[in-house]
Amino acid sequence: MFLIPIKLAWKCTQALAQARCSWRETVDLSRAIVAIG
């Protein structure tokens, strides 16, 4: 019974971490494009 919420919370934290990483990558890419441009 307790494992399901833990698994859901883990999936949520993993998704948030991935989203944060991809967001940072997007920011870095846009900065690089601006610097090159």
Protein backbone atom coordinates (compact mmCIF):
# COMPACT_ATOMS: atom_id res chain seq x y z
CA MET A 1 0.00 0.00 0.00
CA PHE A 2 2.79 2.44 0.89
CA LEU A 3 4.97 1.53 -2.10
CA ILE A 4 2.65 3.03 -4.72
CA PRO A 5 2.85 6.66 -3.46
CA ILE A 6 6.62 6.30 -3.07
CA LYS A 7 6.94 5.08 -6.66
CA LEU A 8 4.75 7.95 -7.87
CA ALA A 9 6.76 10.49 -5.89
CA TRP A 10 9.99 9.00 -7.28
CA LYS A 11 8.66 9.27 -10.83
CA CYS A 12 7.63 12.87 -10.19
CA THR A 13 11.04 13.81 -8.79
CA GLN A 14 12.78 12.08 -11.70
CA ALA A 15 10.57 13.93 -14.18
CA LEU A 16 11.22 17.25 -12.43
CA ALA A 17 14.97 16.62 -12.43
CA GLN A 18 14.90 15.80 -16.15
CA ALA A 19 12.79 18.86 -16.90
CA ARG A 20 15.18 21.07 -14.93
CA CYS A 21 18.18 19.64 -16.78
CA SER A 22 16.56 20.06 -20.18
CA TRP A 23 15.49 23.60 -19.24
CA ARG A 24 19.07 24.45 -18.27
CA GLU A 25 20.32 22.93 -21.52
CA THR A 26 17.82 25.03 -23.45
CA VAL A 27 18.97 28.18 -21.65
CA ASP A 28 22.62 27.32 -22.33
CA LEU A 29 21.83 26.68 -26.00
CA SER A 30 19.97 29.98 -26.37
CA ARG A 31 22.85 31.83 -24.71
CA ALA A 32 25.33 30.16 -27.07
CA ILE A 33 23.19 31.08 -30.08
CA VAL A 34 22.96 34.69 -28.88
CA ALA A 35 26.73 34.78 -28.30
CA ILE A 36 27.44 33.39 -31.77
CA GLY A 37 24.84 35.63 -33.40
